[in-house]
Amino acid sequence: MGSKNGNRKEVTFVIFRGDKGRGEFKEYRVPYQEGMVVLDAILWIQGNLEGDLAVRWNCKAAKCGSCAAEVNGKPSLMCKTRVDELKEPIKVEPMKAYPHIKDIVADTSWNMRTRRKIITKVGFRPSLKSTFLMKEEDVERGREFRKCIECGLCIDVCHVLREHQLFDKFIGPAYLVFSAYLETHPEDTINRIAWLKEEGGLMYCNITKCCTEVCPEEIHITDNAIIPLKERLADEYFDPIKMLFRKILNK
């Protein structure tokens, strides 16, 4: 791995330095240690070479999603990406779908605004029962969706948001997962399909499965969340009998 400096192995990193609208990639040589992940190298550079290198991280356990970035062109969690599995030079840059703040830090505040919008407009509304028993099968239905750490990797790779910047029209794969979780709760009483169609932009997704490929929690975003929501939307809006009744009621 890398070149040798005496008995010490080194790894070459090329990291973006700069802020919105300007900057360049800068090369660094980092001493390699067995089991090193990209975040280890970034923090070594920050602690030994570039004290002002901007990087966001928290748990270093692949559970907070804070250290999301693009590593060798792929949206990744730096704390989960092993150095010995990457080709050198290892290129690290901020997620491109989001606005850039500085160095490898992107502005992901849109995530919280979108989650808050869903909770405010079509959030969970339980039935009027004071207590209820949840079957194990109902627990399992939503378990996969609850694993989402909202890191933003699926949003970064989504062409609707990355290439077309339709952040005001499409809530993105992570929040379709959140919506699917609400839909699978046995006590939820809200029909949010109309909202997902009109404001959530569900129809913008064309099922490329790129979001599933980068999910660090291995959630089957497309197959288990997006496609079932699209099927419900199709049943609601494109079923000929329901379309006829809707036309009659509108008159």
C-alpha atoms as a PDB file:
ATOM      1  CA  MET A   1       0.000   0.000   0.000  1.00  0.00           C
ATOM      2  CA  GLY A   2       1.576   3.218  -1.140  1.00  0.00           C
ATOM      3  CA  SER A   3       5.282   3.999  -1.218  1.00  0.00           C
ATOM      4  CA  LYS A   4       7.767   3.416   1.598  1.00  0.00           C
ATOM      5  CA  ASN A   5       9.574   6.037   3.645  1.00  0.00           C
ATOM      6  CA  GLY A   6      12.114   4.003   5.613  1.00  0.00           C
ATOM      7  CA  ASN A   7      10.071   1.303   7.313  1.00  0.00           C
ATOM      8  CA  ARG A   8       6.900   3.384   7.124  1.00  0.00           C
ATOM      9  CA  LYS A   9       4.297   2.929   4.429  1.00  0.00           C
ATOM     10  CA  GLU A  10       2.546   5.983   3.067  1.00  0.00           C
ATOM     11  CA  VAL A  11      -0.676   6.581   1.177  1.00  0.00           C
ATOM     12  CA  THR A  12      -1.303   9.403  -1.275  1.00  0.00           C
ATOM     13  CA  PHE A  13      -4.466  11.467  -0.773  1.00  0.00           C
ATOM     14  CA  VAL A  14      -5.773  14.215  -3.028  1.00  0.00           C
ATOM     15  CA  ILE A  15      -8.213  16.393  -1.094  1.00  0.00           C
ATOM     16  CA  PHE A  16     -10.312  19.323  -2.207  1.00  0.00           C
ATOM     17  CA  ARG A  17      -9.384  22.541  -0.411  1.00  0.00           C
ATOM     18  CA  GLY A  18     -11.493  25.651  -0.799  1.00  0.00           C
ATOM     19  CA  ASP A  19     -14.955  27.055  -0.385  1.00  0.00           C
ATOM     20  CA  LYS A  20     -17.956  27.675  -2.627  1.00  0.00           C
ATOM     21  CA  GLY A  21     -16.939  28.771  -6.100  1.00  0.00           C
ATOM     22  CA  ARG A  22     -13.188  28.380  -5.700  1.00  0.00           C
ATOM     23  CA  GLY A  23     -10.602  25.878  -4.611  1.00  0.00           C
ATOM     24  CA  GLU A  24      -8.311  23.140  -5.818  1.00  0.00           C
ATOM     25  CA  PHE A  25      -7.164  19.614  -5.051  1.00  0.00           C
ATOM     26  CA  LYS A  26      -4.051  19.292  -2.912  1.00  0.00           C
ATOM     27  CA  GLU A  27      -1.891  16.200  -2.480  1.00  0.00           C
ATOM     28  CA  TYR A  28      -0.849  14.767   0.890  1.00  0.00           C
ATOM     29  CA  ARG A  29       1.263  11.796   1.994  1.00  0.00           C
ATOM     30  CA  VAL A  30      -0.203   9.986   4.992  1.00  0.00           C
ATOM     31  CA  PRO A  31       1.470   7.219   7.056  1.00  0.00           C
ATOM     32  CA  TYR A  32      -0.517   4.023   6.674  1.00  0.00           C
ATOM     33  CA  GLN A  33      -1.680   1.866   9.577  1.00  0.00           C
ATOM     34  CA  GLU A  34      -3.366  -1.509   9.378  1.00  0.00           C
ATOM     35  CA  GLY A  35      -7.144  -1.143   9.251  1.00  0.00           C
ATOM     36  CA  MET A  36      -7.026   2.579   8.480  1.00  0.00           C
ATOM     37  CA  VAL A  37     -10.166   4.187   7.109  1.00  0.00           C
ATOM     38  CA  VAL A  38     -10.364   7.395   5.098  1.00  0.00           C
ATOM     39  CA  LEU A  39     -11.502   9.431   8.102  1.00  0.00           C
ATOM     40  CA  ASP A  40      -8.348   8.358  10.009  1.00  0.00           C
ATOM     41  CA  ALA A  41      -6.234   9.804   7.224  1.00  0.00           C
ATOM     42  CA  ILE A  42      -8.236  13.017   7.036  1.00  0.00           C
ATOM     43  CA  LEU A  43      -7.903  13.569  10.782  1.00  0.00           C
ATOM     44  CA  TRP A  44      -4.154  12.842  10.590  1.00  0.00           C
ATOM     45  CA  ILE A  45      -3.796  15.497   7.898  1.00  0.00           C
ATOM     46  CA  GLN A  46      -5.841  17.929   9.989  1.00  0.00           C
ATOM     47  CA  GLY A  47      -3.795  17.244  13.113  1.00  0.00           C
ATOM     48  CA  ASN A  48      -0.341  17.224  11.519  1.00  0.00           C
ATOM     49  CA  LEU A  49      -0.356  19.190   8.272  1.00  0.00           C
ATOM     50  CA  GLU A  50      -3.468  21.341   7.793  1.00  0.00           C
ATOM     51  CA  GLY A  51      -5.035  22.548  11.032  1.00  0.00           C
ATOM     52  CA  ASP A  52      -7.741  24.460   9.168  1.00  0.00           C
ATOM     53  CA  LEU A  53      -8.921  21.488   7.054  1.00  0.00           C
ATOM     54  CA  ALA A  54     -12.724  21.480   7.376  1.00  0.00           C
ATOM     55  CA  VAL A  55     -14.240  18.045   7.976  1.00  0.00           C
ATOM     56  CA  ARG A  56     -17.491  16.986   9.628  1.00  0.00           C
ATOM     57  CA  TRP A  57     -17.561  13.812  11.735  1.00  0.00           C
ATOM     58  CA  ASN A  58     -18.992  12.561  15.006  1.00  0.00           C
ATOM     59  CA  CYS A  59     -19.376   8.897  15.950  1.00  0.00           C
ATOM     60  CA  LYS A  60     -16.745   7.221  13.738  1.00  0.00           C
ATOM     61  CA  ALA A  61     -18.997   4.154  13.846  1.00  0.00           C
ATOM     62  CA  ALA A  62     -20.998   4.612  10.624  1.00  0.00           C
ATOM     63  CA  LYS A  63     -24.154   5.466  12.571  1.00  0.00           C
ATOM     64  CA  CYS A  64     -24.381   9.273  12.542  1.00  0.00           C
ATOM     65  CA  GLY A  65     -23.778   9.915   8.824  1.00  0.00           C
ATOM     66  CA  SER A  66     -21.798  13.084   9.533  1.00  0.00           C
ATOM     67  CA  CYS A  67     -18.664  12.143   7.591  1.00  0.00           C
ATOM     68  CA  ALA A  68     -20.383  11.618   4.247  1.00  0.00           C
ATOM     69  CA  ALA A  69     -18.241  12.686   1.292  1.00  0.00           C
ATOM     70  CA  GLU A  70     -17.197  11.488  -2.140  1.00  0.00           C
ATOM     71  CA  VAL A  71     -14.223   9.124  -2.117  1.00  0.00           C
ATOM     72  CA  ASN A  72     -12.755   8.292  -5.516  1.00  0.00           C
ATOM     73  CA  GLY A  73     -15.980   9.588  -7.042  1.00  0.00           C
ATOM     74  CA  LYS A  74     -18.338   7.455  -4.938  1.00  0.00           C
ATOM     75  CA  PRO A  75     -20.587   8.853  -2.163  1.00  0.00           C
ATOM     76  CA  SER A  76     -19.254   7.161   0.972  1.00  0.00           C
ATOM     77  CA  LEU A  77     -18.978   7.371   4.737  1.00  0.00           C
ATOM     78  CA  MET A  78     -15.311   8.139   5.341  1.00  0.00           C
ATOM     79  CA  CYS A  79     -15.343   6.254   8.652  1.00  0.00           C
ATOM     80  CA  LYS A  80     -16.508   3.077   6.909  1.00  0.00           C
ATOM     81  CA  THR A  81     -14.314   3.230   3.804  1.00  0.00           C
ATOM     82  CA  ARG A  82     -11.101   1.240   4.223  1.00  0.00           C
ATOM     83  CA  VAL A  83      -7.957   2.693   2.716  1.00  0.00           C
ATOM     84  CA  ASP A  84      -6.569  -0.697   1.699  1.00  0.00           C
ATOM     85  CA  GLU A  85      -9.558  -1.254  -0.598  1.00  0.00           C
ATOM     86  CA  LEU A  86      -9.004   1.938  -2.613  1.00  0.00           C
ATOM     87  CA  LYS A  87      -6.804   2.812  -5.555  1.00  0.00           C
ATOM     88  CA  GLU A  88      -4.270   5.591  -5.089  1.00  0.00           C
ATOM     89  CA  PRO A  89      -4.249   8.490  -5.211  1.00  0.00           C
ATOM     90  CA  ILE A  90      -7.346   8.535  -3.015  1.00  0.00           C
ATOM     91  CA  LYS A  91      -9.474  11.490  -4.017  1.00  0.00           C
ATOM     92  CA  VAL A  92     -11.726  13.043  -1.344  1.00  0.00           C
ATOM     93  CA  GLU A  93     -14.202  15.845  -2.060  1.00  0.00           C
ATOM     94  CA  PRO A  94     -17.557  17.099  -0.723  1.00  0.00           C
ATOM     95  CA  MET A  95     -20.893  15.651  -1.849  1.00  0.00           C
ATOM     96  CA  LYS A  96     -21.727  17.455  -5.080  1.00  0.00           C
ATOM     97  CA  ALA A  97     -25.516  17.442  -4.863  1.00  0.00           C
ATOM     98  CA  TYR A  98     -25.482  19.746  -1.835  1.00  0.00           C
ATOM     99  CA  PRO A  99     -24.240  23.339  -1.568  1.00  0.00           C
ATOM    100  CA  HIS A 100     -20.555  23.514  -0.672  1.00  0.00           C
ATOM    101  CA  ILE A 101     -19.393  25.120   2.578  1.00  0.00           C
ATOM    102  CA  LYS A 102     -15.642  24.509   2.837  1.00  0.00           C
ATOM    103  CA  ASP A 103     -13.117  21.824   1.902  1.00  0.00           C
ATOM    104  CA  ILE A 104     -14.949  18.465   2.181  1.00  0.00           C
ATOM    105  CA  VAL A 105     -17.935  19.791   4.136  1.00  0.00           C
ATOM    106  CA  ALA A 106     -21.282  20.197   2.350  1.00  0.00           C
ATOM    107  CA  ASP A 107     -24.380  22.008   3.580  1.00  0.00           C
ATOM    108  CA  THR A 108     -26.902  19.250   4.360  1.00  0.00           C
ATOM    109  CA  SER A 109     -29.402  21.459   6.206  1.00  0.00           C
ATOM    110  CA  TRP A 110     -31.954  20.637   3.471  1.00  0.00           C
ATOM    111  CA  ASN A 111     -32.249  17.187   5.079  1.00  0.00           C
ATOM    112  CA  MET A 112     -33.629  18.549   8.341  1.00  0.00           C
ATOM    113  CA  ARG A 113     -35.943  20.975   6.569  1.00  0.00           C
ATOM    114  CA  THR A 114     -37.377  18.130   4.483  1.00  0.00           C
ATOM    115  CA  ARG A 115     -37.871  15.829   7.482  1.00  0.00           C
ATOM    116  CA  ARG A 116     -39.556  18.675   9.370  1.00  0.00           C
ATOM    117  CA  LYS A 117     -41.839  19.316   6.389  1.00  0.00           C
ATOM    118  CA  ILE A 118     -42.980  15.697   6.345  1.00  0.00           C
ATOM    119  CA  ILE A 119     -43.557  15.606  10.099  1.00  0.00           C
ATOM    120  CA  THR A 120     -45.485  18.881  10.015  1.00  0.00           C
ATOM    121  CA  LYS A 121     -47.675  18.133   6.993  1.00  0.00           C
ATOM    122  CA  VAL A 122     -48.122  14.376   6.819  1.00  0.00           C
ATOM    123  CA  GLY A 123     -46.474  13.028   9.953  1.00  0.00           C
ATOM    124  CA  PHE A 124     -47.602  10.073  12.013  1.00  0.00           C
ATOM    125  CA  ARG A 125     -51.154  10.256  13.337  1.00  0.00           C
ATOM    126  CA  PRO A 126     -52.128   7.353  15.636  1.00  0.00           C
ATOM    127  CA  SER A 127     -55.623   5.960  15.964  1.00  0.00           C
ATOM    128  CA  LEU A 128     -57.726   6.872  18.997  1.00  0.00           C
ATOM    129  CA  LYS A 129     -56.862   3.705  20.892  1.00  0.00           C
ATOM    130  CA  SER A 130     -55.164   4.407  24.210  1.00  0.00           C
ATOM    131  CA  THR A 131     -53.138   1.188  23.980  1.00  0.00           C
ATOM    132  CA  PHE A 132     -52.554  -1.371  21.269  1.00  0.00           C
ATOM    133  CA  LEU A 133     -50.534  -4.494  20.642  1.00  0.00           C
ATOM    134  CA  MET A 134     -48.159  -4.457  17.692  1.00  0.00           C
ATOM    135  CA  LYS A 135     -47.676  -7.786  15.978  1.00  0.00           C
ATOM    136  CA  GLU A 136     -44.136  -8.954  15.333  1.00  0.00           C
ATOM    137  CA  GLU A 137     -44.785  -8.911  11.583  1.00  0.00           C
ATOM    138  CA  ASP A 138     -45.703  -5.208  11.836  1.00  0.00           C
ATOM    139  CA  VAL A 139     -42.523  -4.527  13.789  1.00  0.00           C
ATOM    140  CA  GLU A 140     -40.508  -6.249  11.076  1.00  0.00           C
ATOM    141  CA  ARG A 141     -42.203  -4.328   8.245  1.00  0.00           C
ATOM    142  CA  GLY A 142     -40.777  -1.028   9.404  1.00  0.00           C
ATOM    143  CA  ARG A 143     -37.513  -2.244  10.929  1.00  0.00           C
ATOM    144  CA  GLU A 144     -35.493  -1.850   7.732  1.00  0.00           C
ATOM    145  CA  PHE A 145     -36.638   1.744   7.219  1.00  0.00           C
ATOM    146  CA  ARG A 146     -35.768   2.707  10.789  1.00  0.00           C
ATOM    147  CA  LYS A 147     -32.119   1.899  10.055  1.00  0.00           C
ATOM    148  CA  CYS A 148     -31.768   5.024   7.882  1.00  0.00           C
ATOM    149  CA  ILE A 149     -29.172   7.407   9.367  1.00  0.00           C
ATOM    150  CA  GLU A 150     -30.004  10.234   6.923  1.00  0.00           C
ATOM    151  CA  CYS A 151     -26.379  10.547   5.852  1.00  0.00           C
ATOM    152  CA  GLY A 152     -27.334  11.966   2.463  1.00  0.00           C
ATOM    153  CA  LEU A 153     -25.376   9.493   0.308  1.00  0.00           C
ATOM    154  CA  CYS A 154     -28.521   8.364  -1.529  1.00  0.00           C
ATOM    155  CA  ILE A 155     -29.467  11.990  -2.082  1.00  0.00           C
ATOM    156  CA  ASP A 156     -26.010  12.793  -3.413  1.00  0.00           C
ATOM    157  CA  VAL A 157     -26.159  10.010  -5.987  1.00  0.00           C
ATOM    158  CA  CYS A 158     -29.794  10.643  -7.009  1.00  0.00           C
ATOM    159  CA  HIS A 159     -29.758  12.150 -10.521  1.00  0.00           C
ATOM    160  CA  VAL A 160     -32.997  14.065  -9.874  1.00  0.00           C
ATOM    161  CA  LEU A 161     -31.244  16.049  -7.142  1.00  0.00           C
ATOM    162  CA  ARG A 162     -27.586  15.868  -8.158  1.00  0.00           C
ATOM    163  CA  GLU A 163     -27.991  16.688 -11.840  1.00  0.00           C
ATOM    164  CA  HIS A 164     -31.300  18.561 -11.971  1.00  0.00           C
ATOM    165  CA  GLN A 165     -31.273  20.163  -8.507  1.00  0.00           C
ATOM    166  CA  LEU A 166     -35.011  19.641  -7.994  1.00  0.00           C
ATOM    167  CA  PHE A 167     -34.711  20.039  -4.228  1.00  0.00           C
ATOM    168  CA  ASP A 168     -37.885  22.130  -4.150  1.00  0.00           C
ATOM    169  CA  LYS A 169     -39.919  19.449  -5.960  1.00  0.00           C
ATOM    170  CA  PHE A 170     -38.551  16.086  -4.829  1.00  0.00           C
ATOM    171  CA  ILE A 171     -37.991  14.882  -1.256  1.00  0.00           C
ATOM    172  CA  GLY A 172     -35.385  12.351  -2.315  1.00  0.00           C
ATOM    173  CA  PRO A 173     -34.839   8.671  -1.533  1.00  0.00           C
ATOM    174  CA  ALA A 174     -34.002   9.070   2.169  1.00  0.00           C
ATOM    175  CA  TYR A 175     -37.318  10.779   2.867  1.00  0.00           C
ATOM    176  CA  LEU A 176     -39.255   8.363   0.725  1.00  0.00           C
ATOM    177  CA  VAL A 177     -37.805   5.760   3.102  1.00  0.00           C
ATOM    178  CA  PHE A 178     -39.029   7.859   6.037  1.00  0.00           C
ATOM    179  CA  SER A 179     -42.464   8.133   4.416  1.00  0.00           C
ATOM    180  CA  ALA A 180     -42.509   4.374   3.825  1.00  0.00           C
ATOM    181  CA  TYR A 181     -41.763   3.842   7.507  1.00  0.00           C
ATOM    182  CA  LEU A 182     -44.766   5.981   8.461  1.00  0.00           C
ATOM    183  CA  GLU A 183     -46.905   4.097   5.946  1.00  0.00           C
ATOM    184  CA  THR A 184     -45.961   0.719   7.441  1.00  0.00           C
ATOM    185  CA  HIS A 185     -46.887   1.622  11.014  1.00  0.00           C
ATOM    186  CA  PRO A 186     -50.092  -0.314  11.871  1.00  0.00           C
ATOM    187  CA  GLU A 187     -51.560   2.589  13.862  1.00  0.00           C
ATOM    188  CA  ASP A 188     -50.899   5.306  11.304  1.00  0.00           C
ATOM    189  CA  THR A 189     -54.145   6.788   9.973  1.00  0.00           C
ATOM    190  CA  ILE A 190     -52.868   9.226   7.340  1.00  0.00           C
ATOM    191  CA  ASN A 191     -53.120   8.648   3.594  1.00  0.00           C
ATOM    192  CA  ARG A 192     -50.078  10.589   2.400  1.00  0.00           C
ATOM    193  CA  ILE A 193     -50.042   9.292  -1.192  1.00  0.00           C
ATOM    194  CA  ALA A 194     -51.610  12.470  -2.576  1.00  0.00           C
ATOM    195  CA  TRP A 195     -48.982  14.566  -0.790  1.00  0.00           C
ATOM    196  CA  LEU A 196     -46.180  12.362  -2.066  1.00  0.00           C
ATOM    197  CA  LYS A 197     -47.507  12.767  -5.603  1.00  0.00           C
ATOM    198  CA  GLU A 198     -48.096  16.518  -5.562  1.00  0.00           C
ATOM    199  CA  GLU A 199     -45.442  17.851  -3.169  1.00  0.00           C
ATOM    200  CA  GLY A 200     -43.105  14.936  -2.513  1.00  0.00           C
ATOM    201  CA  GLY A 201     -42.309  14.441  -6.200  1.00  0.00           C
ATOM    202  CA  LEU A 202     -42.588  10.653  -6.069  1.00  0.00           C
ATOM    203  CA  MET A 203     -43.107  10.452  -9.836  1.00  0.00           C
ATOM    204  CA  TYR A 204     -39.698  12.010 -10.500  1.00  0.00           C
ATOM    205  CA  CYS A 205     -37.965   8.805  -9.412  1.00  0.00           C
ATOM    206  CA  ASN A 206     -37.371   6.479 -12.371  1.00  0.00           C
ATOM    207  CA  ILE A 207     -36.088   3.477 -10.383  1.00  0.00           C
ATOM    208  CA  THR A 208     -32.365   3.479 -11.240  1.00  0.00           C
ATOM    209  CA  LYS A 209     -31.486   1.852  -7.881  1.00  0.00           C
ATOM    210  CA  CYS A 210     -28.372   3.992  -7.532  1.00  0.00           C
ATOM    211  CA  CYS A 211     -29.581   5.058  -4.080  1.00  0.00           C
ATOM    212  CA  THR A 212     -29.703   1.453  -2.909  1.00  0.00           C
ATOM    213  CA  GLU A 213     -26.158   0.829  -4.126  1.00  0.00           C
ATOM    214  CA  VAL A 214     -24.610   3.507  -1.868  1.00  0.00           C
ATOM    215  CA  CYS A 215     -26.720   3.011   1.282  1.00  0.00           C
ATOM    216  CA  PRO A 216     -24.347   2.232   4.191  1.00  0.00           C
ATOM    217  CA  GLU A 217     -27.171   0.487   6.068  1.00  0.00           C
ATOM    218  CA  GLU A 218     -27.943  -1.719   3.041  1.00  0.00           C
ATOM    219  CA  ILE A 219     -31.576  -0.636   2.979  1.00  0.00           C
ATOM    220  CA  HIS A 220     -33.359  -1.816  -0.160  1.00  0.00           C
ATOM    221  CA  ILE A 221     -34.549   1.720  -0.840  1.00  0.00           C
ATOM    222  CA  THR A 222     -35.907   1.128  -4.322  1.00  0.00           C
ATOM    223  CA  ASP A 223     -37.465  -2.307  -3.966  1.00  0.00           C
ATOM    224  CA  ASN A 224     -38.895  -2.027  -0.456  1.00  0.00           C
ATOM    225  CA  ALA A 225     -39.728   1.681  -0.120  1.00  0.00           C
ATOM    226  CA  ILE A 226     -40.024   3.529  -3.437  1.00  0.00           C
ATOM    227  CA  ILE A 227     -41.639   0.857  -5.609  1.00  0.00           C
ATOM    228  CA  PRO A 228     -44.398   0.005  -3.060  1.00  0.00           C
ATOM    229  CA  LEU A 229     -45.170   3.724  -2.719  1.00  0.00           C
ATOM    230  CA  LYS A 230     -45.340   4.045  -6.508  1.00  0.00           C
ATOM    231  CA  GLU A 231     -47.638   1.023  -6.683  1.00  0.00           C
ATOM    232  CA  ARG A 232     -49.978   2.612  -4.152  1.00  0.00           C
ATOM    233  CA  LEU A 233     -49.906   5.823  -6.137  1.00  0.00           C
ATOM    234  CA  ALA A 234     -50.746   3.923  -9.336  1.00  0.00           C
ATOM    235  CA  ASP A 235     -53.653   2.137  -7.625  1.00  0.00           C
ATOM    236  CA  GLU A 236     -54.974   5.433  -6.334  1.00  0.00           C
ATOM    237  CA  TYR A 237     -54.622   7.585  -9.441  1.00  0.00           C
ATOM    238  CA  PHE A 238     -54.511   5.294 -12.452  1.00  0.00           C
ATOM    239  CA  ASP A 239     -57.034   2.624 -11.585  1.00  0.00           C
ATOM    240  CA  PRO A 240     -59.829   3.216 -14.170  1.00  0.00           C
ATOM    241  CA  ILE A 241     -62.675   2.713 -11.671  1.00  0.00           C
ATOM    242  CA  LYS A 242     -61.172   5.116  -9.145  1.00  0.00           C
ATOM    243  CA  MET A 243     -60.474   7.586 -11.946  1.00  0.00           C
ATOM    244  CA  LEU A 244     -64.150   7.422 -12.958  1.00  0.00           C
ATOM    245  CA  PHE A 245     -65.372   7.985  -9.405  1.00  0.00           C
ATOM    246  CA  ARG A 246     -62.929  10.874  -8.981  1.00  0.00           C
ATOM    247  CA  LYS A 247     -64.206  12.435 -12.191  1.00  0.00           C
ATOM    248  CA  ILE A 248     -67.828  12.084 -11.033  1.00  0.00           C
ATOM    249  CA  LEU A 249     -67.084  13.509  -7.600  1.00  0.00           C
ATOM    250  CA  ASN A 250     -65.182  16.447  -9.080  1.00  0.00           C
ATOM    251  CA  LYS A 251     -68.219  17.317 -11.166  1.00  0.00           C
END
